[in-house]
Structure formats: structure tokens, C-alpha cells
Amino acid sequence: MLNSIYADIAMGLRPFSSASEMWLHLRNVYQQRNLAREFEVERNIAEYT
């Protein structure tokens, strides 16, 4: 996995020994929330019920 990503990202993954640990770390670091979409979905649910 380390050979298939940018070197600066790979450096942050060196402490992890398994791919699942690496994926969890990447998800935590790079996950972005879409608050506008969350609001839209919540509003649509409220209108529907």
C-alpha cells in the first residue's frame, strides 16, 4: 500500500503495521463532512414524516 500513494502521505502511515490501521488513520485524517448535504437530508426527512 505504501508504494501506491504519495510519499508525504506514506510517511504518516509508517507507524501502522496493518492495512486496516492505515485505512482507519487515512479516513480520520482526510474525511470531510458535508454539512449542507446533511442539513438537506434532515430537512427532507422532517418534511416527509
N, C-alpha and C. Protein backbone atom coordinates (compact mmCIF):
# COMPACT_ATOMS: atom_id res chain seq x y z
N MET A 1 0.82 -1.19 0.00
CA MET A 1 0.00 0.00 0.00
C MET A 1 0.86 1.25 0.00
N LEU A 2 1.96 1.23 0.73
CA LEU A 2 2.80 2.42 0.83
C LEU A 2 3.39 2.84 -0.51
N ASN A 3 3.60 1.90 -1.41
CA ASN A 3 4.17 2.23 -2.71
C ASN A 3 3.15 2.80 -3.69
N SER A 4 1.88 2.78 -3.34
CA SER A 4 0.85 3.25 -4.26
C SER A 4 0.29 4.62 -3.90
N ILE A 5 0.89 5.29 -2.91
CA ILE A 5 0.42 6.62 -2.52
C ILE A 5 1.59 7.60 -2.50
N TYR A 6 1.26 8.88 -2.39
CA TYR A 6 2.29 9.92 -2.35
C TYR A 6 3.21 9.71 -1.16
N ALA A 7 4.47 10.07 -1.34
CA ALA A 7 5.48 9.84 -0.31
C ALA A 7 5.15 10.56 1.00
N ASP A 8 4.64 11.80 0.91
CA ASP A 8 4.34 12.53 2.15
C ASP A 8 3.20 11.88 2.94
N ILE A 9 2.26 11.27 2.24
CA ILE A 9 1.19 10.54 2.93
C ILE A 9 1.73 9.24 3.50
N ALA A 10 2.57 8.56 2.74
CA ALA A 10 3.15 7.29 3.19
C ALA A 10 3.97 7.46 4.47
N MET A 11 4.64 8.58 4.60
CA MET A 11 5.44 8.82 5.81
C MET A 11 4.56 8.80 7.07
N GLY A 12 3.34 9.31 6.96
CA GLY A 12 2.43 9.31 8.09
C GLY A 12 1.87 7.94 8.43
N LEU A 13 2.03 7.00 7.50
CA LEU A 13 1.49 5.65 7.72
C LEU A 13 2.52 4.66 8.23
N ARG A 14 3.75 5.05 8.31
CA ARG A 14 4.81 4.13 8.73
C ARG A 14 4.61 3.52 10.12
N PRO A 15 4.02 4.24 11.08
CA PRO A 15 3.84 3.63 12.41
C PRO A 15 2.83 2.48 12.44
N PHE A 16 2.03 2.35 11.40
CA PHE A 16 0.97 1.33 11.41
C PHE A 16 1.46 0.05 10.77
N SER A 17 1.06 -1.07 11.35
CA SER A 17 1.57 -2.36 10.86
C SER A 17 0.59 -3.10 9.95
N SER A 18 -0.68 -2.71 9.98
CA SER A 18 -1.64 -3.41 9.12
C SER A 18 -2.36 -2.42 8.21
N ALA A 19 -2.87 -2.94 7.11
CA ALA A 19 -3.59 -2.10 6.15
C ALA A 19 -4.85 -1.51 6.78
N SER A 20 -5.51 -2.28 7.64
CA SER A 20 -6.74 -1.76 8.26
C SER A 20 -6.44 -0.58 9.17
N GLU A 21 -5.32 -0.63 9.89
CA GLU A 21 -4.92 0.51 10.71
C GLU A 21 -4.62 1.72 9.84
N MET A 22 -3.97 1.49 8.71
CA MET A 22 -3.66 2.58 7.79
C MET A 22 -4.93 3.21 7.25
N TRP A 23 -5.90 2.38 6.83
CA TRP A 23 -7.16 2.90 6.29
C TRP A 23 -7.92 3.69 7.34
N LEU A 24 -7.95 3.22 8.58
CA LEU A 24 -8.62 3.96 9.65
C LEU A 24 -7.97 5.32 9.86
N HIS A 25 -6.64 5.33 9.86
CA HIS A 25 -5.93 6.59 10.02
C HIS A 25 -6.24 7.54 8.86
N LEU A 26 -6.18 7.04 7.63
CA LEU A 26 -6.47 7.88 6.46
C LEU A 26 -7.90 8.42 6.51
N ARG A 27 -8.84 7.58 6.90
CA ARG A 27 -10.23 8.04 7.00
C ARG A 27 -10.36 9.16 8.03
N ASN A 28 -9.72 8.99 9.19
CA ASN A 28 -9.80 10.01 10.23
C ASN A 28 -9.15 11.32 9.81
N VAL A 29 -8.06 11.24 9.06
CA VAL A 29 -7.34 12.44 8.66
C VAL A 29 -8.03 13.16 7.50
N TYR A 30 -8.51 12.42 6.52
CA TYR A 30 -8.98 13.02 5.28
C TYR A 30 -10.49 13.05 5.11
N GLN A 31 -11.23 12.53 6.07
CA GLN A 31 -12.69 12.53 5.97
C GLN A 31 -13.20 13.97 6.06
N GLN A 32 -14.12 14.30 5.15
CA GLN A 32 -14.72 15.63 5.16
C GLN A 32 -16.22 15.51 5.35
N ARG A 33 -16.75 16.35 6.19
CA ARG A 33 -18.20 16.35 6.40
C ARG A 33 -18.84 17.28 5.39
N ASN A 34 -19.99 16.90 4.92
CA ASN A 34 -20.76 17.72 4.01
C ASN A 34 -21.99 18.21 4.77
N LEU A 35 -21.80 19.29 5.52
CA LEU A 35 -22.86 19.77 6.40
C LEU A 35 -24.08 20.24 5.62
N ALA A 36 -23.88 20.82 4.44
CA ALA A 36 -25.00 21.27 3.63
C ALA A 36 -25.87 20.07 3.22
N ARG A 37 -25.23 18.99 2.82
CA ARG A 37 -25.98 17.79 2.42
C ARG A 37 -26.67 17.16 3.62
N GLU A 38 -25.99 17.12 4.78
CA GLU A 38 -26.62 16.59 5.98
C GLU A 38 -27.87 17.38 6.34
N PHE A 39 -27.78 18.70 6.26
CA PHE A 39 -28.93 19.55 6.56
C PHE A 39 -30.07 19.28 5.58
N GLU A 40 -29.74 19.16 4.30
CA GLU A 40 -30.75 18.90 3.29
C GLU A 40 -31.47 17.57 3.54
N VAL A 41 -30.72 16.54 3.86
CA VAL A 41 -31.31 15.23 4.13
C VAL A 41 -32.20 15.29 5.37
N GLU A 42 -31.71 15.92 6.43
CA GLU A 42 -32.51 16.04 7.65
C GLU A 42 -33.80 16.82 7.39
N ARG A 43 -33.71 17.88 6.61
CA ARG A 43 -34.90 18.67 6.27
C ARG A 43 -35.89 17.84 5.45
N ASN A 44 -35.38 17.09 4.48
CA ASN A 44 -36.25 16.25 3.66
C ASN A 44 -36.94 15.17 4.50
N ILE A 45 -36.22 14.60 5.44
CA ILE A 45 -36.81 13.60 6.33
C ILE A 45 -37.91 14.23 7.18
N ALA A 46 -37.64 15.42 7.71
CA ALA A 46 -38.63 16.10 8.55
C ALA A 46 -39.87 16.46 7.75
N GLU A 47 -39.70 16.86 6.50
CA GLU A 47 -40.85 17.21 5.65
C GLU A 47 -41.63 15.96 5.25
N TYR A 48 -40.97 14.86 5.12
CA TYR A 48 -41.59 13.62 4.65
C TYR A 48 -42.45 12.97 5.73
N THR A 49 -42.04 13.15 6.99
CA THR A 49 -42.77 12.46 8.07
C THR A 49 -43.94 13.26 8.59
